[in-house]
Amino acid sequence: MVRFQKSDGTWVTATDYPYVKGSTIVCGVPTGLTGQLALEVTVEISGSGRTGAYPFPFT
């Protein structure tokens, strides 16, 4: 799962995932997102959920 945190603190989940292979994930960014966005990715590795966040907000 890929999700974006808006500047007001709410989270929005990516709309679709047309390509996922290995460490490459392509997702659709929901329309209407503006300003600084934080990015968080959650994946399943060997049966465990792992979450990582991009260290800088996107503008």
Protein backbone atom coordinates (compact mmCIF):
# COMPACT_ATOMS: atom_id res chain seq x y z
CA MET A 1 0.00 0.00 0.00
CA VAL A 2 1.22 3.47 -0.86
CA ARG A 3 -0.31 6.48 0.85
CA PHE A 4 0.26 10.20 1.01
CA GLN A 5 -0.12 12.50 4.02
CA LYS A 6 -1.47 15.93 3.21
CA SER A 7 -0.30 19.06 5.02
CA ASP A 8 -3.45 18.97 7.20
CA GLY A 9 -2.41 15.53 8.53
CA THR A 10 -4.97 13.39 6.69
CA TRP A 11 -3.87 10.32 4.72
CA VAL A 12 -4.91 9.45 1.15
CA THR A 13 -4.25 6.02 -0.38
CA ALA A 14 -2.85 5.61 -3.91
CA THR A 15 -5.57 4.98 -6.49
CA ASP A 16 -4.11 2.07 -8.47
CA TYR A 17 -0.95 -0.01 -8.90
CA PRO A 18 -0.41 -0.74 -12.60
CA TYR A 19 3.10 -2.16 -12.07
CA VAL A 20 4.69 -3.92 -9.08
CA LYS A 21 7.84 -6.00 -9.57
CA GLY A 22 10.69 -6.51 -7.12
CA SER A 23 11.54 -3.18 -5.54
CA THR A 24 9.69 -1.14 -8.17
CA ILE A 25 6.17 0.09 -7.45
CA VAL A 26 4.24 2.37 -9.77
CA CYS A 27 1.08 3.89 -8.32
CA GLY A 28 -1.50 6.46 -9.27
CA VAL A 29 -1.49 9.64 -7.20
CA PRO A 30 -5.05 10.65 -6.28
CA THR A 31 -6.24 13.78 -8.08
CA GLY A 32 -6.48 17.03 -6.22
CA LEU A 33 -3.44 16.62 -3.98
CA THR A 34 -1.51 19.85 -3.64
CA GLY A 35 1.15 21.31 -1.37
CA GLN A 36 3.67 19.25 0.57
CA LEU A 37 3.00 15.51 0.74
CA ALA A 38 4.63 12.84 2.87
CA LEU A 39 4.97 9.38 1.29
CA GLU A 40 4.58 6.08 3.16
CA VAL A 41 4.88 2.56 1.71
CA THR A 42 3.69 -0.61 3.46
CA VAL A 43 4.68 -4.02 2.07
CA GLU A 44 4.58 -7.64 3.17
CA ILE A 45 7.96 -9.33 3.45
CA SER A 46 8.09 -12.98 4.52
CA GLY A 47 4.65 -12.73 6.12
CA SER A 48 5.38 -9.55 8.10
CA GLY A 49 4.11 -6.06 7.34
CA ARG A 50 6.85 -3.45 6.96
CA THR A 51 6.32 0.30 6.64
CA GLY A 52 8.79 2.87 5.39
CA ALA A 53 8.49 6.61 4.93
CA TYR A 54 10.30 8.88 2.50
CA PRO A 55 12.43 11.19 4.65
CA PHE A 56 11.46 14.47 2.93
CA PRO A 57 8.04 15.81 1.91
CA PHE A 58 7.26 16.15 -1.80
CA THR A 59 6.16 19.55 -3.06
